[in-house]
């Protein structure tokens, strides 16, 4: 059984309505899961959610990120060097860290 997938180039309308910018013909077997309920797409993208979190201000030169309140909910512990100015983000969870400005 061969099915055709038509790729639609994303724009502001389709990126909200279609998951991964894919749509299938009405008789495609992949549409079976949407017979009883309409297709649900999460409009809250993780990159937008992490942007809403303010950067964590750190007094030292190094930030430590574990990704959560406990080991079971986090990621491996990493150390982030804050010597350069600006925000520095965790490569696992995206939380941003910034060095506290000190008066000279």
PDB file of N, CA and C in Angstrom:
ATOM      1  N   UNK A   1       0.844  -1.181   0.000  1.00  0.00           N
ATOM      2  CA  UNK A   1       0.000   0.000   0.000  1.00  0.00           C
ATOM      3  C   UNK A   1       0.882   1.234   0.000  1.00  0.00           C
ATOM      4  N   UNK A   2       0.800   1.985  -1.022  1.00  0.00           N
ATOM      5  CA  UNK A   2       1.623   3.180  -1.150  1.00  0.00           C
ATOM      6  C   UNK A   2       0.762   4.413  -0.891  1.00  0.00           C
ATOM      7  N   UNK A   3       1.275   5.318  -0.099  1.00  0.00           N
ATOM      8  CA  UNK A   3       0.549   6.554   0.167  1.00  0.00           C
ATOM      9  C   UNK A   3       1.396   7.725  -0.260  1.00  0.00           C
ATOM     10  N   UNK A   4       0.736   8.776  -0.623  1.00  0.00           N
ATOM     11  CA  UNK A   4       1.464   9.953  -1.065  1.00  0.00           C
ATOM     12  C   UNK A   4       1.440  11.004   0.028  1.00  0.00           C
ATOM     13  N   UNK A   5       2.568  11.620   0.258  1.00  0.00           N
ATOM     14  CA  UNK A   5       2.671  12.698   1.223  1.00  0.00           C
ATOM     15  C   UNK A   5       2.965  13.971   0.466  1.00  0.00           C
ATOM     16  N   UNK A   6       2.137  14.953   0.639  1.00  0.00           N
ATOM     17  CA  UNK A   6       2.401  16.225  -0.010  1.00  0.00           C
ATOM     18  C   UNK A   6       2.996  17.163   1.027  1.00  0.00           C
ATOM     19  N   UNK A   7       4.089  17.762   0.689  1.00  0.00           N
ATOM     20  CA  UNK A   7       4.763  18.681   1.605  1.00  0.00           C
ATOM     21  C   UNK A   7       4.330  20.093   1.263  1.00  0.00           C
ATOM     22  N   UNK A   8       3.903  20.810   2.267  1.00  0.00           N
ATOM     23  CA  UNK A   8       3.478  22.193   2.098  1.00  0.00           C
ATOM     24  C   UNK A   8       4.537  23.066   2.739  1.00  0.00           C
ATOM     25  N   UNK A   9       4.994  24.077   2.024  1.00  0.00           N
ATOM     26  CA  UNK A   9       5.993  24.971   2.597  1.00  0.00           C
ATOM     27  C   UNK A   9       5.348  25.804   3.699  1.00  0.00           C
ATOM     28  N   UNK A  10       6.058  25.886   4.819  1.00  0.00           N
ATOM     29  CA  UNK A  10       5.515  26.555   6.001  1.00  0.00           C
ATOM     30  C   UNK A  10       5.406  28.054   5.793  1.00  0.00           C
ATOM     31  N   UNK A  11       4.316  28.591   6.209  1.00  0.00           N
ATOM     32  CA  UNK A  11       4.187  30.025   6.386  1.00  0.00           C
ATOM     33  C   UNK A  11       3.426  30.224   7.688  1.00  0.00           C
ATOM     34  N   UNK A  12       3.073  31.418   8.015  1.00  0.00           N
ATOM     35  CA  UNK A  12       2.492  31.672   9.325  1.00  0.00           C
ATOM     36  C   UNK A  12       1.169  30.941   9.536  1.00  0.00           C
ATOM     37  N   UNK A  13       0.398  30.697   8.497  1.00  0.00           N
ATOM     38  CA  UNK A  13      -0.884  30.011   8.652  1.00  0.00           C
ATOM     39  C   UNK A  13      -0.676  28.521   8.802  1.00  0.00           C
ATOM     40  N   UNK A  14       0.067  27.915   7.884  1.00  0.00           N
ATOM     41  CA  UNK A  14       0.225  26.468   7.881  1.00  0.00           C
ATOM     42  C   UNK A  14       1.076  25.961   9.036  1.00  0.00           C
ATOM     43  N   UNK A  15       2.048  26.727   9.498  1.00  0.00           N
ATOM     44  CA  UNK A  15       2.893  26.248  10.583  1.00  0.00           C
ATOM     45  C   UNK A  15       2.098  26.056  11.872  1.00  0.00           C
ATOM     46  N   UNK A  16       1.025  26.816  12.061  1.00  0.00           N
ATOM     47  CA  UNK A  16       0.178  26.638  13.232  1.00  0.00           C
ATOM     48  C   UNK A  16      -0.766  25.450  13.048  1.00  0.00           C
ATOM     49  N   UNK A  17      -1.313  25.285  11.865  1.00  0.00           N
ATOM     50  CA  UNK A  17      -2.335  24.284  11.649  1.00  0.00           C
ATOM     51  C   UNK A  17      -1.796  22.892  11.381  1.00  0.00           C
ATOM     52  N   UNK A  18      -0.633  22.781  10.782  1.00  0.00           N
ATOM     53  CA  UNK A  18      -0.122  21.485  10.372  1.00  0.00           C
ATOM     54  C   UNK A  18       1.122  21.119  11.158  1.00  0.00           C
ATOM     55  N   UNK A  19       1.196  19.898  11.630  1.00  0.00           N
ATOM     56  CA  UNK A  19       2.347  19.419  12.369  1.00  0.00           C
ATOM     57  C   UNK A  19       3.435  19.039  11.394  1.00  0.00           C
ATOM     58  N   UNK A  20       4.617  19.618  11.534  1.00  0.00           N
ATOM     59  CA  UNK A  20       5.765  19.397  10.662  1.00  0.00           C
ATOM     60  C   UNK A  20       5.469  19.714   9.208  1.00  0.00           C
ATOM     61  N   UNK A  21       4.483  20.553   8.968  1.00  0.00           N
ATOM     62  CA  UNK A  21       4.137  21.017   7.621  1.00  0.00           C
ATOM     63  C   UNK A  21       3.825  19.857   6.683  1.00  0.00           C
ATOM     64  N   UNK A  22       3.166  18.825   7.158  1.00  0.00           N
ATOM     65  CA  UNK A  22       2.776  17.695   6.325  1.00  0.00           C
ATOM     66  C   UNK A  22       1.268  17.591   6.274  1.00  0.00           C
ATOM     67  N   UNK A  23       0.760  17.225   5.147  1.00  0.00           N
ATOM     68  CA  UNK A  23      -0.658  16.916   5.023  1.00  0.00           C
ATOM     69  C   UNK A  23      -0.787  15.703   4.121  1.00  0.00           C
ATOM     70  N   UNK A  24      -1.833  14.921   4.349  1.00  0.00           N
ATOM     71  CA  UNK A  24      -2.031  13.707   3.580  1.00  0.00           C
ATOM     72  C   UNK A  24      -3.364  13.784   2.849  1.00  0.00           C
ATOM     73  N   UNK A  25      -3.505  12.995   1.818  1.00  0.00           N
ATOM     74  CA  UNK A  25      -4.762  12.961   1.084  1.00  0.00           C
ATOM     75  C   UNK A  25      -5.855  12.423   2.008  1.00  0.00           C
ATOM     76  N   UNK A  26      -7.113  12.761   1.756  1.00  0.00           N
ATOM     77  CA  UNK A  26      -8.201  12.353   2.662  1.00  0.00           C
ATOM     78  C   UNK A  26      -8.347  10.842   2.829  1.00  0.00           C
ATOM     79  N   UNK A  27      -7.952  10.049   1.843  1.00  0.00           N
ATOM     80  CA  UNK A  27      -8.099   8.596   1.956  1.00  0.00           C
ATOM     81  C   UNK A  27      -6.836   7.907   2.474  1.00  0.00           C
ATOM     82  N   UNK A  28      -5.863   8.652   2.930  1.00  0.00           N
ATOM     83  CA  UNK A  28      -4.616   8.080   3.445  1.00  0.00           C
ATOM     84  C   UNK A  28      -4.870   7.384   4.780  1.00  0.00           C
ATOM     85  N   UNK A  29      -4.251   6.215   5.000  1.00  0.00           N
ATOM     86  CA  UNK A  29      -4.452   5.449   6.222  1.00  0.00           C
ATOM     87  C   UNK A  29      -3.973   6.175   7.477  1.00  0.00           C
ATOM     88  N   UNK A  30      -3.069   7.143   7.337  1.00  0.00           N
ATOM     89  CA  UNK A  30      -2.572   7.864   8.513  1.00  0.00           C
ATOM     90  C   UNK A  30      -3.607   8.811   9.103  1.00  0.00           C
ATOM     91  N   UNK A  31      -4.672   9.087   8.383  1.00  0.00           N
ATOM     92  CA  UNK A  31      -5.736   9.942   8.903  1.00  0.00           C
ATOM     93  C   UNK A  31      -6.712   9.194   9.804  1.00  0.00           C
ATOM     94  N   UNK A  32      -6.569   7.888   9.969  1.00  0.00           N
ATOM     95  CA  UNK A  32      -7.487   7.096  10.778  1.00  0.00           C
ATOM     96  C   UNK A  32      -7.542   7.607  12.213  1.00  0.00           C
ATOM     97  N   UNK A  33      -6.430   8.031  12.750  1.00  0.00           N
ATOM     98  CA  UNK A  33      -6.410   8.474  14.147  1.00  0.00           C
ATOM     99  C   UNK A  33      -7.176   9.763  14.367  1.00  0.00           C
ATOM    100  N   UNK A  34      -7.601  10.445  13.299  1.00  0.00           N
ATOM    101  CA  UNK A  34      -8.315  11.712  13.434  1.00  0.00           C
ATOM    102  C   UNK A  34      -9.787  11.587  13.051  1.00  0.00           C
ATOM    103  N   UNK A  35     -10.342  10.368  13.020  1.00  0.00           N
ATOM    104  CA  UNK A  35     -11.741  10.206  12.632  1.00  0.00           C
ATOM    105  C   UNK A  35     -12.697  10.684  13.716  1.00  0.00           C
ATOM    106  N   UNK A  36     -12.435  10.342  14.968  1.00  0.00           N
ATOM    107  CA  UNK A  36     -13.349  10.698  16.057  1.00  0.00           C
ATOM    108  C   UNK A  36     -13.152  12.125  16.557  1.00  0.00           C
ATOM    109  N   UNK A  37     -11.935  12.586  16.544  1.00  0.00           N
ATOM    110  CA  UNK A  37     -11.616  13.922  17.049  1.00  0.00           C
ATOM    111  C   UNK A  37     -10.806  14.677  16.005  1.00  0.00           C
ATOM    112  N   UNK A  38     -10.858  15.992  16.047  1.00  0.00           N
ATOM    113  CA  UNK A  38     -10.025  16.753  15.107  1.00  0.00           C
ATOM    114  C   UNK A  38      -8.552  16.647  15.492  1.00  0.00           C
ATOM    115  N   UNK A  39      -7.697  16.847  14.532  1.00  0.00           N
ATOM    116  CA  UNK A  39      -6.260  16.811  14.782  1.00  0.00           C
ATOM    117  C   UNK A  39      -5.893  17.935  15.742  1.00  0.00           C
ATOM    118  N   UNK A  40      -5.150  17.598  16.791  1.00  0.00           N
ATOM    119  CA  UNK A  40      -4.765  18.582  17.789  1.00  0.00           C
ATOM    120  C   UNK A  40      -3.283  18.900  17.648  1.00  0.00           C
ATOM    121  N   UNK A  41      -2.983  20.174  17.586  1.00  0.00           N
ATOM    122  CA  UNK A  41      -1.606  20.624  17.455  1.00  0.00           C
ATOM    123  C   UNK A  41      -1.301  21.543  18.628  1.00  0.00           C
ATOM    124  N   UNK A  42      -0.192  21.283  19.297  1.00  0.00           N
ATOM    125  CA  UNK A  42       0.217  22.116  20.412  1.00  0.00           C
ATOM    126  C   UNK A  42       0.806  23.412  19.868  1.00  0.00           C
ATOM    127  N   UNK A  43       0.197  24.510  20.212  1.00  0.00           N
ATOM    128  CA  UNK A  43       0.684  25.808  19.724  1.00  0.00           C
ATOM    129  C   UNK A  43       1.779  26.393  20.617  1.00  0.00           C
ATOM    130  N   UNK A  44       2.070  25.749  21.749  1.00  0.00           N
ATOM    131  CA  UNK A  44       3.080  26.258  22.672  1.00  0.00           C
ATOM    132  C   UNK A  44       4.397  25.541  22.401  1.00  0.00           C
ATOM    133  N   UNK A  45       5.214  26.084  21.523  1.00  0.00           N
ATOM    134  CA  UNK A  45       6.494  25.479  21.147  1.00  0.00           C
ATOM    135  C   UNK A  45       7.505  25.662  22.270  1.00  0.00           C
ATOM    136  N   UNK A  46       8.362  24.674  22.472  1.00  0.00           N
ATOM    137  CA  UNK A  46       9.316  24.712  23.585  1.00  0.00           C
ATOM    138  C   UNK A  46      10.289  25.881  23.470  1.00  0.00           C
ATOM    139  N   UNK A  47      10.681  26.231  22.260  1.00  0.00           N
ATOM    140  CA  UNK A  47      11.628  27.342  22.101  1.00  0.00           C
ATOM    141  C   UNK A  47      11.001  28.657  22.567  1.00  0.00           C
ATOM    142  N   UNK A  48       9.699  28.817  22.356  1.00  0.00           N
ATOM    143  CA  UNK A  48       9.020  30.027  22.830  1.00  0.00           C
ATOM    144  C   UNK A  48       8.837  30.005  24.340  1.00  0.00           C
ATOM    145  N   UNK A  49       8.590  28.824  24.913  1.00  0.00           N
ATOM    146  CA  UNK A  49       8.417  28.717  26.360  1.00  0.00           C
ATOM    147  C   UNK A  49       9.714  29.024  27.102  1.00  0.00           C
ATOM    148  N   UNK A  50      10.846  28.549  26.593  1.00  0.00           N
ATOM    149  CA  UNK A  50      12.119  28.793  27.274  1.00  0.00           C
ATOM    150  C   UNK A  50      12.555  30.257  27.127  1.00  0.00           C
ATOM    151  N   UNK A  51      12.132  30.925  26.037  1.00  0.00           N
ATOM    152  CA  UNK A  51      12.426  32.359  25.891  1.00  0.00           C
ATOM    153  C   UNK A  51      11.710  33.186  26.947  1.00  0.00           C
ATOM    154  N   UNK A  52      10.558  32.700  27.409  1.00  0.00           N
ATOM    155  CA  UNK A  52       9.785  33.437  28.407  1.00  0.00           C
ATOM    156  C   UNK A  52      10.412  33.363  29.797  1.00  0.00           C
ATOM    157  N   UNK A  53      11.307  32.407  30.022  1.00  0.00           N
ATOM    158  CA  UNK A  53      11.967  32.267  31.324  1.00  0.00           C
ATOM    159  C   UNK A  53      13.119  33.273  31.390  1.00  0.00           C
ATOM    160  N   UNK A  54      13.156  34.138  32.399  1.00  0.00           N
ATOM    161  CA  UNK A  54      14.257  35.104  32.487  1.00  0.00           C
ATOM    162  C   UNK A  54      15.574  34.399  32.809  1.00  0.00           C
ATOM    163  N   UNK A  55      16.696  34.982  32.393  1.00  0.00           N
ATOM    164  CA  UNK A  55      17.999  34.370  32.678  1.00  0.00           C
ATOM    165  C   UNK A  55      18.266  34.303  34.185  1.00  0.00           C
ATOM    166  N   UNK A  56      18.970  33.277  34.593  1.00  0.00           N
ATOM    167  CA  UNK A  56      19.361  33.106  35.987  1.00  0.00           C
ATOM    168  C   UNK A  56      20.637  33.910  36.217  1.00  0.00           C
ATOM    169  N   UNK A  57      20.611  34.799  37.200  1.00  0.00           N
ATOM    170  CA  UNK A  57      21.773  35.635  37.514  1.00  0.00           C
ATOM    171  C   UNK A  57      22.686  34.862  38.458  1.00  0.00           C
ATOM    172  N   UNK A  58      23.958  34.757  38.085  1.00  0.00           N
ATOM    173  CA  UNK A  58      24.941  34.000  38.853  1.00  0.00           C
ATOM    174  C   UNK A  58      26.032  34.956  39.307  1.00  0.00           C
ATOM    175  N   UNK A  59      26.463  34.857  40.567  1.00  0.00           N
ATOM    176  CA  UNK A  59      27.490  35.752  41.090  1.00  0.00           C
ATOM    177  C   UNK A  59      28.900  35.325  40.703  1.00  0.00           C
ATOM    178  N   UNK A  60      29.132  34.064  40.521  1.00  0.00           N
ATOM    179  CA  UNK A  60      30.472  33.579  40.194  1.00  0.00           C
ATOM    180  C   UNK A  60      30.744  33.549  38.698  1.00  0.00           C
ATOM    181  N   UNK A  61      31.856  32.906  38.335  1.00  0.00           N
ATOM    182  CA  UNK A  61      32.259  32.804  36.938  1.00  0.00           C
ATOM    183  C   UNK A  61      31.706  31.563  36.253  1.00  0.00           C
ATOM    184  N   UNK A  62      31.135  30.646  37.051  1.00  0.00           N
ATOM    185  CA  UNK A  62      30.666  29.377  36.511  1.00  0.00           C
ATOM    186  C   UNK A  62      29.244  29.105  36.984  1.00  0.00           C
ATOM    187  N   UNK A  63      28.380  28.706  36.055  1.00  0.00           N
ATOM    188  CA  UNK A  63      27.017  28.300  36.390  1.00  0.00           C
ATOM    189  C   UNK A  63      26.925  26.783  36.305  1.00  0.00           C
ATOM    190  N   UNK A  64      26.095  26.210  37.142  1.00  0.00           N
ATOM    191  CA  UNK A  64      25.866  24.767  37.143  1.00  0.00           C
ATOM    192  C   UNK A  64      24.399  24.531  36.812  1.00  0.00           C
ATOM    193  N   UNK A  65      24.145  23.667  35.829  1.00  0.00           N
ATOM    194  CA  UNK A  65      22.767  23.365  35.440  1.00  0.00           C
ATOM    195  C   UNK A  65      22.547  21.861  35.497  1.00  0.00           C
ATOM    196  N   UNK A  66      21.473  21.464  36.188  1.00  0.00           N
ATOM    197  CA  UNK A  66      21.068  20.063  36.250  1.00  0.00           C
ATOM    198  C   UNK A  66      19.699  19.845  35.615  1.00  0.00           C
ATOM    199  N   UNK A  67      19.043  20.919  35.218  1.00  0.00           N
ATOM    200  CA  UNK A  67      17.807  20.822  34.466  1.00  0.00           C
ATOM    201  C   UNK A  67      16.531  20.593  35.234  1.00  0.00           C
ATOM    202  N   UNK A  68      16.583  20.388  36.516  1.00  0.00           N
ATOM    203  CA  UNK A  68      15.350  20.158  37.252  1.00  0.00           C
ATOM    204  C   UNK A  68      15.570  20.152  38.744  1.00  0.00           C
ATOM    205  N   UNK A  69      14.483  20.040  39.499  1.00  0.00           N
ATOM    206  CA  UNK A  69      14.601  20.067  40.954  1.00  0.00           C
ATOM    207  C   UNK A  69      15.180  18.790  41.545  1.00  0.00           C
ATOM    208  N   UNK A  70      15.211  17.690  40.777  1.00  0.00           N
ATOM    209  CA  UNK A  70      15.790  16.443  41.279  1.00  0.00           C
ATOM    210  C   UNK A  70      16.516  15.734  40.139  1.00  0.00           C
ATOM    211  N   UNK A  71      17.317  14.732  40.490  1.00  0.00           N
ATOM    212  CA  UNK A  71      18.057  14.001  39.462  1.00  0.00           C
ATOM    213  C   UNK A  71      17.131  13.290  38.493  1.00  0.00           C
ATOM    214  N   UNK A  72      15.992  12.830  38.978  1.00  0.00           N
ATOM    215  CA  UNK A  72      15.060  12.095  38.127  1.00  0.00           C
ATOM    216  C   UNK A  72      14.408  12.982  37.077  1.00  0.00           C
ATOM    217  N   UNK A  73      14.314  14.264  37.348  1.00  0.00           N
ATOM    218  CA  UNK A  73      13.644  15.176  36.423  1.00  0.00           C
ATOM    219  C   UNK A  73      14.596  16.003  35.579  1.00  0.00           C
ATOM    220  N   UNK A  74      15.877  15.864  35.786  1.00  0.00           N
ATOM    221  CA  UNK A  74      16.823  16.743  35.118  1.00  0.00           C
ATOM    222  C   UNK A  74      17.611  16.071  34.009  1.00  0.00           C
ATOM    223  N   UNK A  75      18.813  16.569  33.804  1.00  0.00           N
ATOM    224  CA  UNK A  75      19.755  16.052  32.819  1.00  0.00           C
ATOM    225  C   UNK A  75      21.126  15.990  33.480  1.00  0.00           C
ATOM    226  N   UNK A  76      22.134  15.460  32.802  1.00  0.00           N
ATOM    227  CA  UNK A  76      23.474  15.424  33.407  1.00  0.00           C
ATOM    228  C   UNK A  76      23.939  16.831  33.813  1.00  0.00           C
ATOM    229  N   UNK A  77      24.621  16.903  34.926  1.00  0.00           N
ATOM    230  CA  UNK A  77      25.119  18.190  35.421  1.00  0.00           C
ATOM    231  C   UNK A  77      26.182  18.728  34.467  1.00  0.00           C
ATOM    232  N   UNK A  78      26.018  20.000  34.080  1.00  0.00           N
ATOM    233  CA  UNK A  78      27.037  20.642  33.247  1.00  0.00           C
ATOM    234  C   UNK A  78      27.438  21.963  33.888  1.00  0.00           C
ATOM    235  N   UNK A  79      28.645  22.365  33.591  1.00  0.00           N
ATOM    236  CA  UNK A  79      29.200  23.623  34.085  1.00  0.00           C
ATOM    237  C   UNK A  79      29.331  24.574  32.907  1.00  0.00           C
ATOM    238  N   UNK A  80      28.839  25.792  33.073  1.00  0.00           N
ATOM    239  CA  UNK A  80      28.819  26.785  32.001  1.00  0.00           C
ATOM    240  C   UNK A  80      29.717  27.943  32.401  1.00  0.00           C
ATOM    241  N   UNK A  81      30.700  28.247  31.560  1.00  0.00           N
ATOM    242  CA  UNK A  81      31.638  29.330  31.795  1.00  0.00           C
ATOM    243  C   UNK A  81      30.961  30.655  31.449  1.00  0.00           C
ATOM    244  N   UNK A  82      30.982  31.602  32.385  1.00  0.00           N
ATOM    245  CA  UNK A  82      30.326  32.894  32.196  1.00  0.00           C
ATOM    246  C   UNK A  82      31.319  34.040  32.028  1.00  0.00           C
ATOM    247  N   UNK A  83      32.567  33.747  31.650  1.00  0.00           N
ATOM    248  CA  UNK A  83      33.570  34.805  31.521  1.00  0.00           C
ATOM    249  C   UNK A  83      33.221  35.813  30.429  1.00  0.00           C
ATOM    250  N   UNK A  84      32.652  35.369  29.335  1.00  0.00           N
ATOM    251  CA  UNK A  84      32.276  36.280  28.254  1.00  0.00           C
ATOM    252  C   UNK A  84      30.967  36.986  28.621  1.00  0.00           C
ATOM    253  N   UNK A  85      30.772  38.238  28.218  1.00  0.00           N
ATOM    254  CA  UNK A  85      29.532  38.946  28.557  1.00  0.00           C
ATOM    255  C   UNK A  85      28.336  38.376  27.795  1.00  0.00           C
ATOM    256  N   UNK A  86      27.148  38.573  28.356  1.00  0.00           N
ATOM    257  CA  UNK A  86      25.915  38.144  27.698  1.00  0.00           C
ATOM    258  C   UNK A  86      25.328  36.887  28.313  1.00  0.00           C
ATOM    259  N   UNK A  87      24.255  36.413  27.676  1.00  0.00           N
ATOM    260  CA  UNK A  87      23.579  35.202  28.131  1.00  0.00           C
ATOM    261  C   UNK A  87      24.302  33.964  27.634  1.00  0.00           C
ATOM    262  N   UNK A  88      24.324  32.926  28.463  1.00  0.00           N
ATOM    263  CA  UNK A  88      24.907  31.637  28.095  1.00  0.00           C
ATOM    264  C   UNK A  88      23.857  30.585  28.413  1.00  0.00           C
ATOM    265  N   UNK A  89      23.477  29.773  27.434  1.00  0.00           N
ATOM    266  CA  UNK A  89      22.391  28.821  27.648  1.00  0.00           C
ATOM    267  C   UNK A  89      22.911  27.407  27.832  1.00  0.00           C
ATOM    268  N   UNK A  90      22.135  26.618  28.548  1.00  0.00           N
ATOM    269  CA  UNK A  90      22.430  25.210  28.764  1.00  0.00           C
ATOM    270  C   UNK A  90      22.162  24.460  27.459  1.00  0.00           C
ATOM    271  N   UNK A  91      23.061  23.584  27.086  1.00  0.00           N
ATOM    272  CA  UNK A  91      22.895  22.862  25.821  1.00  0.00           C
ATOM    273  C   UNK A  91      21.833  21.772  25.911  1.00  0.00           C
ATOM    274  N   UNK A  92      21.413  21.391  27.112  1.00  0.00           N
ATOM    275  CA  UNK A  92      20.370  20.379  27.269  1.00  0.00           C
ATOM    276  C   UNK A  92      18.973  20.997  27.324  1.00  0.00           C
ATOM    277  N   UNK A  93      18.779  21.939  28.234  1.00  0.00           N
ATOM    278  CA  UNK A  93      17.420  22.435  28.484  1.00  0.00           C
ATOM    279  C   UNK A  93      17.186  23.869  27.997  1.00  0.00           C
ATOM    280  N   UNK A  94      18.227  24.598  27.669  1.00  0.00           N
ATOM    281  CA  UNK A  94      18.065  25.941  27.129  1.00  0.00           C
ATOM    282  C   UNK A  94      17.953  27.041  28.161  1.00  0.00           C
ATOM    283  N   UNK A  95      18.000  26.717  29.444  1.00  0.00           N
ATOM    284  CA  UNK A  95      17.944  27.760  30.472  1.00  0.00           C
ATOM    285  C   UNK A  95      19.162  28.667  30.309  1.00  0.00           C
ATOM    286  N   UNK A  96      18.917  29.972  30.374  1.00  0.00           N
ATOM    287  CA  UNK A  96      19.990  30.946  30.178  1.00  0.00           C
ATOM    288  C   UNK A  96      20.556  31.408  31.511  1.00  0.00           C
ATOM    289  N   UNK A  97      21.856  31.649  31.518  1.00  0.00           N
ATOM    290  CA  UNK A  97      22.562  32.139  32.699  1.00  0.00           C
ATOM    291  C   UNK A  97      23.322  33.393  32.307  1.00  0.00           C
ATOM    292  N   UNK A  98      23.414  34.329  33.245  1.00  0.00           N
ATOM    293  CA  UNK A  98      24.147  35.569  33.010  1.00  0.00           C
ATOM    294  C   UNK A  98      24.938  35.887  34.283  1.00  0.00           C
ATOM    295  N   UNK A  99      26.144  36.404  34.090  1.00  0.00           N
ATOM    296  CA  UNK A  99      26.996  36.773  35.236  1.00  0.00           C
ATOM    297  C   UNK A  99      26.513  38.108  35.812  1.00  0.00           C
ATOM    298  N   UNK A 100      26.437  38.160  37.145  1.00  0.00           N
ATOM    299  CA  UNK A 100      25.999  39.386  37.810  1.00  0.00           C
ATOM    300  C   UNK A 100      27.036  40.485  37.606  1.00  0.00           C
ATOM    301  N   UNK A 101      26.558  41.655  37.259  1.00  0.00           N
ATOM    302  CA  UNK A 101      27.457  42.806  37.079  1.00  0.00           C
ATOM    303  C   UNK A 101      27.940  43.266  38.440  1.00  0.00           C
ATOM    304  N   UNK A 102      29.238  43.433  38.544  1.00  0.00           N
ATOM    305  CA  UNK A 102      29.816  43.913  39.808  1.00  0.00           C
ATOM    306  C   UNK A 102      30.404  45.295  39.610  1.00  0.00           C
ATOM    307  N   UNK A 103      30.314  46.103  40.652  1.00  0.00           N
ATOM    308  CA  UNK A 103      30.901  47.443  40.585  1.00  0.00           C
ATOM    309  C   UNK A 103      32.410  47.329  40.754  1.00  0.00           C
ATOM    310  N   UNK A 104      33.162  47.997  39.915  1.00  0.00           N
ATOM    311  CA  UNK A 104      34.628  47.923  39.973  1.00  0.00           C
ATOM    312  C   UNK A 104      35.173  48.997  40.866  1.00  0.00           C
TER     313      UNK A 104
END
